Amino acid sequence: MGKIKTHKASAKRFSVTAGGKVKMYHSHHRHNLGLKTAKRKRNLRKGSILSTSFAPTIRTLIQK
């Protein structure tokens, strides 16, 4: 039986917590930061948990 390869681009962007939730970081925090408000930049800094409907898809991509 063949094995599914890890999707490396997804593995760099997502990680799985000990509880099985998928953790992600926000995009849009690299350049053009002078246009964005301090509140928006502060919220982009924090990581967040991926929605429960999309998490199984990402979990299959980044399995080890």
PDB file of N, CA and C in Angstrom:
ATOM      1  N   MET A   1       0.845  -1.183   0.000  1.00  0.00           N
ATOM      2  CA  MET A   1       0.000   0.000   0.000  1.00  0.00           C
ATOM      3  C   MET A   1       0.888   1.243   0.000  1.00  0.00           C
ATOM      4  N   GLY A   2       0.575   2.186  -0.851  1.00  0.00           N
ATOM      5  CA  GLY A   2       1.360   3.408  -0.930  1.00  0.00           C
ATOM      6  C   GLY A   2       1.091   4.333   0.240  1.00  0.00           C
ATOM      7  N   LYS A   3       2.020   5.223   0.468  1.00  0.00           N
ATOM      8  CA  LYS A   3       1.885   6.193   1.553  1.00  0.00           C
ATOM      9  C   LYS A   3       1.681   7.585   0.959  1.00  0.00           C
ATOM     10  N   ILE A   4       0.989   8.452   1.709  1.00  0.00           N
ATOM     11  CA  ILE A   4       0.767   9.821   1.268  1.00  0.00           C
ATOM     12  C   ILE A   4       1.956  10.669   1.710  1.00  0.00           C
ATOM     13  N   LYS A   5       2.528  11.403   0.761  1.00  0.00           N
ATOM     14  CA  LYS A   5       3.650  12.268   1.095  1.00  0.00           C
ATOM     15  C   LYS A   5       3.159  13.518   1.822  1.00  0.00           C
ATOM     16  N   THR A   6       4.016  14.055   2.675  1.00  0.00           N
ATOM     17  CA  THR A   6       3.715  15.304   3.369  1.00  0.00           C
ATOM     18  C   THR A   6       3.755  16.460   2.376  1.00  0.00           C
ATOM     19  N   HIS A   7       2.747  17.302   2.409  1.00  0.00           N
ATOM     20  CA  HIS A   7       2.726  18.498   1.566  1.00  0.00           C
ATOM     21  C   HIS A   7       3.578  19.549   2.265  1.00  0.00           C
ATOM     22  N   LYS A   8       4.799  19.767   1.753  1.00  0.00           N
ATOM     23  CA  LYS A   8       5.797  20.579   2.456  1.00  0.00           C
ATOM     24  C   LYS A   8       5.374  22.036   2.630  1.00  0.00           C
ATOM     25  N   ALA A   9       4.688  22.604   1.644  1.00  0.00           N
ATOM     26  CA  ALA A   9       4.246  23.998   1.765  1.00  0.00           C
ATOM     27  C   ALA A   9       3.258  24.151   2.913  1.00  0.00           C
ATOM     28  N   SER A  10       2.370  23.172   3.069  1.00  0.00           N
ATOM     29  CA  SER A  10       1.405  23.219   4.168  1.00  0.00           C
ATOM     30  C   SER A  10       2.071  22.946   5.508  1.00  0.00           C
ATOM     31  N   ALA A  11       3.055  22.054   5.510  1.00  0.00           N
ATOM     32  CA  ALA A  11       3.743  21.701   6.754  1.00  0.00           C
ATOM     33  C   ALA A  11       4.497  22.893   7.338  1.00  0.00           C
ATOM     34  N   LYS A  12       4.938  23.812   6.470  1.00  0.00           N
ATOM     35  CA  LYS A  12       5.643  25.003   6.949  1.00  0.00           C
ATOM     36  C   LYS A  12       4.684  26.037   7.530  1.00  0.00           C
ATOM     37  N   ARG A  13       3.422  25.981   7.118  1.00  0.00           N
ATOM     38  CA  ARG A  13       2.467  27.012   7.508  1.00  0.00           C
ATOM     39  C   ARG A  13       1.519  26.605   8.625  1.00  0.00           C
ATOM     40  N   PHE A  14       1.331  25.305   8.810  1.00  0.00           N
ATOM     41  CA  PHE A  14       0.390  24.812   9.814  1.00  0.00           C
ATOM     42  C   PHE A  14       1.093  23.847  10.752  1.00  0.00           C
ATOM     43  N   SER A  15       0.593  23.730  11.969  1.00  0.00           N
ATOM     44  CA  SER A  15       1.078  22.723  12.905  1.00  0.00           C
ATOM     45  C   SER A  15      -0.100  22.223  13.723  1.00  0.00           C
ATOM     46  N   VAL A  16       0.044  21.027  14.279  1.00  0.00           N
ATOM     47  CA  VAL A  16      -1.038  20.413  15.049  1.00  0.00           C
ATOM     48  C   VAL A  16      -0.702  20.518  16.526  1.00  0.00           C
ATOM     49  N   THR A  17      -1.665  20.963  17.320  1.00  0.00           N
ATOM     50  CA  THR A  17      -1.460  21.087  18.758  1.00  0.00           C
ATOM     51  C   THR A  17      -1.598  19.714  19.415  1.00  0.00           C
ATOM     52  N   ALA A  18      -1.295  19.649  20.697  1.00  0.00           N
ATOM     53  CA  ALA A  18      -1.393  18.382  21.436  1.00  0.00           C
ATOM     54  C   ALA A  18      -2.830  17.892  21.489  1.00  0.00           C
ATOM     55  N   GLY A  19      -3.786  18.811  21.462  1.00  0.00           N
ATOM     56  CA  GLY A  19      -5.198  18.440  21.486  1.00  0.00           C
ATOM     57  C   GLY A  19      -5.760  18.059  20.131  1.00  0.00           C
ATOM     58  N   GLY A  20      -4.939  18.148  19.076  1.00  0.00           N
ATOM     59  CA  GLY A  20      -5.377  17.760  17.748  1.00  0.00           C
ATOM     60  C   GLY A  20      -5.913  18.898  16.898  1.00  0.00           C
ATOM     61  N   LYS A  21      -5.906  20.113  17.426  1.00  0.00           N
ATOM     62  CA  LYS A  21      -6.363  21.259  16.644  1.00  0.00           C
ATOM     63  C   LYS A  21      -5.240  21.723  15.718  1.00  0.00           C
ATOM     64  N   VAL A  22      -5.602  22.367  14.625  1.00  0.00           N
ATOM     65  CA  VAL A  22      -4.612  22.851  13.660  1.00  0.00           C
ATOM     66  C   VAL A  22      -4.371  24.332  13.909  1.00  0.00           C
ATOM     67  N   LYS A  23      -3.106  24.659  14.129  1.00  0.00           N
ATOM     68  CA  LYS A  23      -2.698  26.030  14.439  1.00  0.00           C
ATOM     69  C   LYS A  23      -2.153  26.682  13.176  1.00  0.00           C
ATOM     70  N   MET A  24      -2.480  27.972  12.985  1.00  0.00           N
ATOM     71  CA  MET A  24      -2.013  28.704  11.808  1.00  0.00           C
ATOM     72  C   MET A  24      -1.598  30.114  12.192  1.00  0.00           C
ATOM     73  N   TYR A  25      -0.823  30.735  11.319  1.00  0.00           N
ATOM     74  CA  TYR A  25      -0.464  32.134  11.490  1.00  0.00           C
ATOM     75  C   TYR A  25      -1.080  32.937  10.359  1.00  0.00           C
ATOM     76  N   HIS A  26      -1.364  34.193  10.616  1.00  0.00           N
ATOM     77  CA  HIS A  26      -2.018  35.036   9.630  1.00  0.00           C
ATOM     78  C   HIS A  26      -1.040  35.528   8.570  1.00  0.00           C
ATOM     79  N   SER A  27      -1.574  35.771   7.379  1.00  0.00           N
ATOM     80  CA  SER A  27      -0.784  36.356   6.302  1.00  0.00           C
ATOM     81  C   SER A  27      -0.919  37.875   6.342  1.00  0.00           C
ATOM     82  N   HIS A  28      -0.373  38.565   5.356  1.00  0.00           N
ATOM     83  CA  HIS A  28      -0.446  40.034   5.202  1.00  0.00           C
ATOM     84  C   HIS A  28       0.312  40.786   6.298  1.00  0.00           C
ATOM     85  N   HIS A  29       1.397  40.220   6.804  1.00  0.00           N
ATOM     86  CA  HIS A  29       2.157  40.922   7.837  1.00  0.00           C
ATOM     87  C   HIS A  29       3.630  41.030   7.443  1.00  0.00           C
ATOM     88  N   ARG A  30       3.898  41.157   6.134  1.00  0.00           N
ATOM     89  CA  ARG A  30       5.268  41.221   5.648  1.00  0.00           C
ATOM     90  C   ARG A  30       5.657  42.594   5.104  1.00  0.00           C
ATOM     91  N   HIS A  31       4.788  43.191   4.327  1.00  0.00           N
ATOM     92  CA  HIS A  31       5.132  44.483   3.713  1.00  0.00           C
ATOM     93  C   HIS A  31       3.885  45.345   3.628  1.00  0.00           C
ATOM     94  N   ASN A  32       4.080  46.598   3.208  1.00  0.00           N
ATOM     95  CA  ASN A  32       3.018  47.610   3.183  1.00  0.00           C
ATOM     96  C   ASN A  32       2.384  47.794   4.555  1.00  0.00           C
ATOM     97  N   LEU A  33       3.204  47.731   5.591  1.00  0.00           N
ATOM     98  CA  LEU A  33       2.678  47.806   6.948  1.00  0.00           C
ATOM     99  C   LEU A  33       2.290  49.229   7.343  1.00  0.00           C
ATOM    100  N   GLY A  34       2.788  50.222   6.590  1.00  0.00           N
ATOM    101  CA  GLY A  34       2.417  51.593   6.893  1.00  0.00           C
ATOM    102  C   GLY A  34       0.964  51.901   6.561  1.00  0.00           C
ATOM    103  N   LEU A  35       0.370  51.102   5.690  1.00  0.00           N
ATOM    104  CA  LEU A  35      -1.025  51.311   5.310  1.00  0.00           C
ATOM    105  C   LEU A  35      -2.002  50.706   6.315  1.00  0.00           C
ATOM    106  N   LYS A  36      -1.519  49.764   7.099  1.00  0.00           N
ATOM    107  CA  LYS A  36      -2.408  49.027   8.004  1.00  0.00           C
ATOM    108  C   LYS A  36      -2.430  49.679   9.375  1.00  0.00           C
ATOM    109  N   THR A  37      -3.555  49.596  10.045  1.00  0.00           N
ATOM    110  CA  THR A  37      -3.679  50.193  11.374  1.00  0.00           C
ATOM    111  C   THR A  37      -2.927  49.344  12.392  1.00  0.00           C
ATOM    112  N   ALA A  38      -2.602  49.954  13.517  1.00  0.00           N
ATOM    113  CA  ALA A  38      -1.881  49.236  14.582  1.00  0.00           C
ATOM    114  C   ALA A  38      -2.710  48.069  15.107  1.00  0.00           C
ATOM    115  N   LYS A  39      -4.014  48.260  15.190  1.00  0.00           N
ATOM    116  CA  LYS A  39      -4.902  47.188  15.660  1.00  0.00           C
ATOM    117  C   LYS A  39      -4.868  45.989  14.713  1.00  0.00           C
ATOM    118  N   ARG A  40      -4.898  46.271  13.422  1.00  0.00           N
ATOM    119  CA  ARG A  40      -4.872  45.191  12.427  1.00  0.00           C
ATOM    120  C   ARG A  40      -3.554  44.432  12.478  1.00  0.00           C
ATOM    121  N   LYS A  41      -2.425  45.164  12.595  1.00  0.00           N
ATOM    122  CA  LYS A  41      -1.115  44.523  12.653  1.00  0.00           C
ATOM    123  C   LYS A  41      -0.959  43.708  13.929  1.00  0.00           C
ATOM    124  N   ARG A  42      -1.502  44.226  15.026  1.00  0.00           N
ATOM    125  CA  ARG A  42      -1.430  43.513  16.307  1.00  0.00           C
ATOM    126  C   ARG A  42      -2.198  42.193  16.237  1.00  0.00           C
ATOM    127  N   ASN A  43      -3.358  42.209  15.584  1.00  0.00           N
ATOM    128  CA  ASN A  43      -4.145  40.986  15.461  1.00  0.00           C
ATOM    129  C   ASN A  43      -3.542  39.988  14.480  1.00  0.00           C
ATOM    130  N   LEU A  44      -2.821  40.476  13.476  1.00  0.00           N
ATOM    131  CA  LEU A  44      -2.159  39.584  12.529  1.00  0.00           C
ATOM    132  C   LEU A  44      -0.957  38.881  13.156  1.00  0.00           C
ATOM    133  N   ARG A  45      -0.388  39.490  14.196  1.00  0.00           N
ATOM    134  CA  ARG A  45       0.776  38.925  14.869  1.00  0.00           C
ATOM    135  C   ARG A  45       0.453  37.600  15.557  1.00  0.00           C
ATOM    136  N   LYS A  46      -0.761  37.485  16.059  1.00  0.00           N
ATOM    137  CA  LYS A  46      -1.146  36.319  16.852  1.00  0.00           C
ATOM    138  C   LYS A  46      -1.506  35.150  15.941  1.00  0.00           C
ATOM    139  N   GLY A  47      -1.231  33.965  16.415  1.00  0.00           N
ATOM    140  CA  GLY A  47      -1.676  32.774  15.710  1.00  0.00           C
ATOM    141  C   GLY A  47      -3.133  32.521  16.014  1.00  0.00           C
ATOM    142  N   SER A  48      -3.731  31.581  15.305  1.00  0.00           N
ATOM    143  CA  SER A  48      -5.119  31.242  15.578  1.00  0.00           C
ATOM    144  C   SER A  48      -5.351  29.775  15.245  1.00  0.00           C
ATOM    145  N   ILE A  49      -6.505  29.282  15.624  1.00  0.00           N
ATOM    146  CA  ILE A  49      -6.884  27.899  15.378  1.00  0.00           C
ATOM    147  C   ILE A  49      -7.717  27.853  14.096  1.00  0.00           C
ATOM    148  N   LEU A  50      -7.400  26.902  13.244  1.00  0.00           N
ATOM    149  CA  LEU A  50      -8.119  26.740  11.990  1.00  0.00           C
ATOM    150  C   LEU A  50      -9.538  26.251  12.259  1.00  0.00           C
ATOM    151  N   SER A  51     -10.471  26.584  11.381  1.00  0.00           N
ATOM    152  CA  SER A  51     -11.857  26.172  11.578  1.00  0.00           C
ATOM    153  C   SER A  51     -11.968  24.650  11.560  1.00  0.00           C
ATOM    154  N   THR A  52     -12.935  24.140  12.295  1.00  0.00           N
ATOM    155  CA  THR A  52     -13.080  22.689  12.434  1.00  0.00           C
ATOM    156  C   THR A  52     -13.483  22.014  11.126  1.00  0.00           C
ATOM    157  N   SER A  53     -14.110  22.751  10.209  1.00  0.00           N
ATOM    158  CA  SER A  53     -14.504  22.153   8.940  1.00  0.00           C
ATOM    159  C   SER A  53     -13.313  21.984   7.991  1.00  0.00           C
ATOM    160  N   PHE A  54     -12.307  22.850   8.103  1.00  0.00           N
ATOM    161  CA  PHE A  54     -11.154  22.811   7.205  1.00  0.00           C
ATOM    162  C   PHE A  54      -9.987  22.022   7.787  1.00  0.00           C
ATOM    163  N   ALA A  55     -10.006  21.789   9.099  1.00  0.00           N
ATOM    164  CA  ALA A  55      -8.888  21.143   9.786  1.00  0.00           C
ATOM    165  C   ALA A  55      -8.581  19.728   9.289  1.00  0.00           C
ATOM    166  N   PRO A  56      -9.565  18.847   9.041  1.00  0.00           N
ATOM    167  CA  PRO A  56      -9.220  17.495   8.574  1.00  0.00           C
ATOM    168  C   PRO A  56      -8.455  17.477   7.261  1.00  0.00           C
ATOM    169  N   THR A  57      -8.750  18.406   6.364  1.00  0.00           N
ATOM    170  CA  THR A  57      -8.042  18.484   5.091  1.00  0.00           C
ATOM    171  C   THR A  57      -6.575  18.804   5.311  1.00  0.00           C
ATOM    172  N   ILE A  58      -6.300  19.784   6.145  1.00  0.00           N
ATOM    173  CA  ILE A  58      -4.919  20.179   6.416  1.00  0.00           C
ATOM    174  C   ILE A  58      -4.186  19.080   7.182  1.00  0.00           C
ATOM    175  N   ARG A  59      -4.894  18.415   8.091  1.00  0.00           N
ATOM    176  CA  ARG A  59      -4.260  17.346   8.878  1.00  0.00           C
ATOM    177  C   ARG A  59      -3.781  16.204   7.977  1.00  0.00           C
ATOM    178  N   THR A  60      -4.540  15.891   6.934  1.00  0.00           N
ATOM    179  CA  THR A  60      -4.090  14.839   6.011  1.00  0.00           C
ATOM    180  C   THR A  60      -2.886  15.290   5.194  1.00  0.00           C
ATOM    181  N   LEU A  61      -2.813  16.582   4.878  1.00  0.00           N
ATOM    182  CA  LEU A  61      -1.685  17.091   4.098  1.00  0.00           C
ATOM    183  C   LEU A  61      -0.389  17.101   4.893  1.00  0.00           C
ATOM    184  N   ILE A  62      -0.470  17.366   6.193  1.00  0.00           N
ATOM    185  CA  ILE A  62       0.756  17.534   6.975  1.00  0.00           C
ATOM    186  C   ILE A  62       1.056  16.330   7.860  1.00  0.00           C
ATOM    187  N   GLN A  63       0.399  15.200   7.611  1.00  0.00           N
ATOM    188  CA  GLN A  63       0.672  14.024   8.439  1.00  0.00           C
ATOM    189  C   GLN A  63       2.126  13.593   8.259  1.00  0.00           C
ATOM    190  N   LYS A  64       2.673  12.998   9.297  1.00  0.00           N
ATOM    191  CA  LYS A  64       4.092  12.621   9.261  1.00  0.00           C
ATOM    192  C   LYS A  64       4.254  11.141   9.058  1.00  0.00           C
TER     193      LYS A  64
END
